[in-house]
Amino acid sequence: MFFRHKVKNPVEQQIEMLINDLKLYLENNYKDLAIQSRKDAIMLVEESYRGGKISEKSYAKYKEILSEYTENMKGYNHQQFYHS
């Protein structure tokens, strides 16, 4: 996130922090933490939009980002590590 002219509201900063955590957890293969961060981010986006704390444009942007992560994380569970 380079130099932006508009300062983000605290809710958007919090959402982006969760998304950044999610990305970091995925890069480091921390699946449980990644799953929890994604759930937390989705919940915060939904609550913030319903509460009027983020715009429809921001809502759509975050929904798209999180749906991509959701798609990429399909099948993330411990079962894939315990094949016998």
C-alpha atoms as a PDB file:
ATOM      1  CA  MET A   1       0.000   0.000   0.000  1.00  0.00           C
ATOM      2  CA  PHE A   2       2.000   2.900  -1.279  1.00  0.00           C
ATOM      3  CA  PHE A   3       1.299   6.566  -0.849  1.00  0.00           C
ATOM      4  CA  ARG A   4      -2.417   7.091  -0.866  1.00  0.00           C
ATOM      5  CA  HIS A   5      -4.024  10.468  -0.860  1.00  0.00           C
ATOM      6  CA  LYS A   6      -6.888   9.392   1.337  1.00  0.00           C
ATOM      7  CA  VAL A   7      -6.278   8.262   4.900  1.00  0.00           C
ATOM      8  CA  LYS A   8      -8.199   5.076   5.594  1.00  0.00           C
ATOM      9  CA  ASN A   9     -10.674   4.933   8.392  1.00  0.00           C
ATOM     10  CA  PRO A  10      -9.695   2.814  11.410  1.00  0.00           C
ATOM     11  CA  VAL A  11     -12.045  -0.005  10.409  1.00  0.00           C
ATOM     12  CA  GLU A  12     -10.429  -0.313   6.974  1.00  0.00           C
ATOM     13  CA  GLN A  13      -7.003  -0.293   8.613  1.00  0.00           C
ATOM     14  CA  GLN A  14      -8.123  -3.116  10.893  1.00  0.00           C
ATOM     15  CA  ILE A  15      -9.502  -5.117   7.949  1.00  0.00           C
ATOM     16  CA  GLU A  16      -6.276  -4.670   6.001  1.00  0.00           C
ATOM     17  CA  MET A  17      -4.254  -5.707   9.043  1.00  0.00           C
ATOM     18  CA  LEU A  18      -6.244  -8.962   9.226  1.00  0.00           C
ATOM     19  CA  ILE A  19      -5.741  -9.554   5.493  1.00  0.00           C
ATOM     20  CA  ASN A  20      -2.003  -8.902   5.858  1.00  0.00           C
ATOM     21  CA  ASP A  21      -1.879 -11.339   8.791  1.00  0.00           C
ATOM     22  CA  LEU A  22      -3.725 -13.899   6.667  1.00  0.00           C
ATOM     23  CA  LYS A  23      -1.192 -13.484   3.864  1.00  0.00           C
ATOM     24  CA  LEU A  24       1.715 -13.804   6.298  1.00  0.00           C
ATOM     25  CA  TYR A  25       0.259 -16.936   7.908  1.00  0.00           C
ATOM     26  CA  LEU A  26      -0.232 -18.536   4.507  1.00  0.00           C
ATOM     27  CA  GLU A  27       3.327 -17.721   3.456  1.00  0.00           C
ATOM     28  CA  ASN A  28       4.595 -19.376   6.632  1.00  0.00           C
ATOM     29  CA  ASN A  29       2.224 -22.336   6.352  1.00  0.00           C
ATOM     30  CA  TYR A  30       0.362 -21.549   9.586  1.00  0.00           C
ATOM     31  CA  LYS A  31      -2.912 -23.010   8.408  1.00  0.00           C
ATOM     32  CA  ASP A  32      -4.940 -22.709  11.630  1.00  0.00           C
ATOM     33  CA  LEU A  33      -3.970 -19.066  12.075  1.00  0.00           C
ATOM     34  CA  ALA A  34      -4.668 -18.354   8.386  1.00  0.00           C
ATOM     35  CA  ILE A  35      -8.125 -19.915   8.646  1.00  0.00           C
ATOM     36  CA  GLN A  36      -8.923 -17.900  11.774  1.00  0.00           C
ATOM     37  CA  SER A  37      -7.662 -14.640  10.244  1.00  0.00           C
ATOM     38  CA  ARG A  38      -9.801 -15.191   7.165  1.00  0.00           C
ATOM     39  CA  LYS A  39     -12.881 -15.837   9.305  1.00  0.00           C
ATOM     40  CA  ASP A  40     -12.155 -12.757  11.435  1.00  0.00           C
ATOM     41  CA  ALA A  41     -11.643 -10.579   8.358  1.00  0.00           C
ATOM     42  CA  ILE A  42     -14.870 -11.781   6.716  1.00  0.00           C
ATOM     43  CA  MET A  43     -16.814 -11.187   9.916  1.00  0.00           C
ATOM     44  CA  LEU A  44     -15.350  -7.694  10.353  1.00  0.00           C
ATOM     45  CA  VAL A  45     -16.067  -6.759   6.717  1.00  0.00           C
ATOM     46  CA  GLU A  46     -19.679  -7.939   6.986  1.00  0.00           C
ATOM     47  CA  GLU A  47     -20.309  -6.240  10.342  1.00  0.00           C
ATOM     48  CA  SER A  48     -18.633  -3.014   9.211  1.00  0.00           C
ATOM     49  CA  TYR A  49     -20.648  -2.847   6.012  1.00  0.00           C
ATOM     50  CA  ARG A  50     -23.943  -3.537   7.791  1.00  0.00           C
ATOM     51  CA  GLY A  51     -23.039  -0.910  10.391  1.00  0.00           C
ATOM     52  CA  GLY A  52     -22.206   1.696   7.749  1.00  0.00           C
ATOM     53  CA  LYS A  53     -18.551   1.883   8.770  1.00  0.00           C
ATOM     54  CA  ILE A  54     -17.198   1.095   5.301  1.00  0.00           C
ATOM     55  CA  SER A  55     -18.447   2.143   1.886  1.00  0.00           C
ATOM     56  CA  GLU A  56     -20.016  -0.171  -0.659  1.00  0.00           C
ATOM     57  CA  LYS A  57     -16.898   0.251  -2.819  1.00  0.00           C
ATOM     58  CA  SER A  58     -14.618  -0.845   0.050  1.00  0.00           C
ATOM     59  CA  TYR A  59     -17.000  -3.684   0.896  1.00  0.00           C
ATOM     60  CA  ALA A  60     -16.852  -4.995  -2.672  1.00  0.00           C
ATOM     61  CA  LYS A  61     -13.060  -4.713  -2.737  1.00  0.00           C
ATOM     62  CA  TYR A  62     -12.587  -6.608   0.522  1.00  0.00           C
ATOM     63  CA  LYS A  63     -15.186  -9.237  -0.408  1.00  0.00           C
ATOM     64  CA  GLU A  64     -13.307  -9.918  -3.636  1.00  0.00           C
ATOM     65  CA  ILE A  65      -9.942 -10.207  -1.885  1.00  0.00           C
ATOM     66  CA  LEU A  66     -11.330 -12.517   0.788  1.00  0.00           C
ATOM     67  CA  SER A  67     -13.237 -14.673  -1.673  1.00  0.00           C
ATOM     68  CA  GLU A  68      -9.956 -15.250  -3.558  1.00  0.00           C
ATOM     69  CA  TYR A  69      -8.328 -16.382  -0.325  1.00  0.00           C
ATOM     70  CA  THR A  70     -11.331 -18.570   0.457  1.00  0.00           C
ATOM     71  CA  GLU A  71     -11.028 -20.223  -2.949  1.00  0.00           C
ATOM     72  CA  ASN A  72      -7.272 -20.734  -2.561  1.00  0.00           C
ATOM     73  CA  MET A  73      -7.716 -22.192   0.922  1.00  0.00           C
ATOM     74  CA  LYS A  74     -10.355 -24.785   0.018  1.00  0.00           C
ATOM     75  CA  GLY A  75      -9.479 -28.093   1.608  1.00  0.00           C
ATOM     76  CA  TYR A  76      -7.262 -26.514   4.265  1.00  0.00           C
ATOM     77  CA  ASN A  77      -7.472 -28.836   7.212  1.00  0.00           C
ATOM     78  CA  HIS A  78      -5.288 -31.230   9.060  1.00  0.00           C
ATOM     79  CA  GLN A  79      -6.540 -34.229   7.101  1.00  0.00           C
ATOM     80  CA  GLN A  80      -4.141 -33.537   4.258  1.00  0.00           C
ATOM     81  CA  PHE A  81      -1.172 -33.976   6.620  1.00  0.00           C
ATOM     82  CA  TYR A  82      -2.168 -37.292   8.115  1.00  0.00           C
ATOM     83  CA  HIS A  83      -2.372 -39.719   5.243  1.00  0.00           C
ATOM     84  CA  SER A  84      -1.472 -43.179   6.420  1.00  0.00           C
END
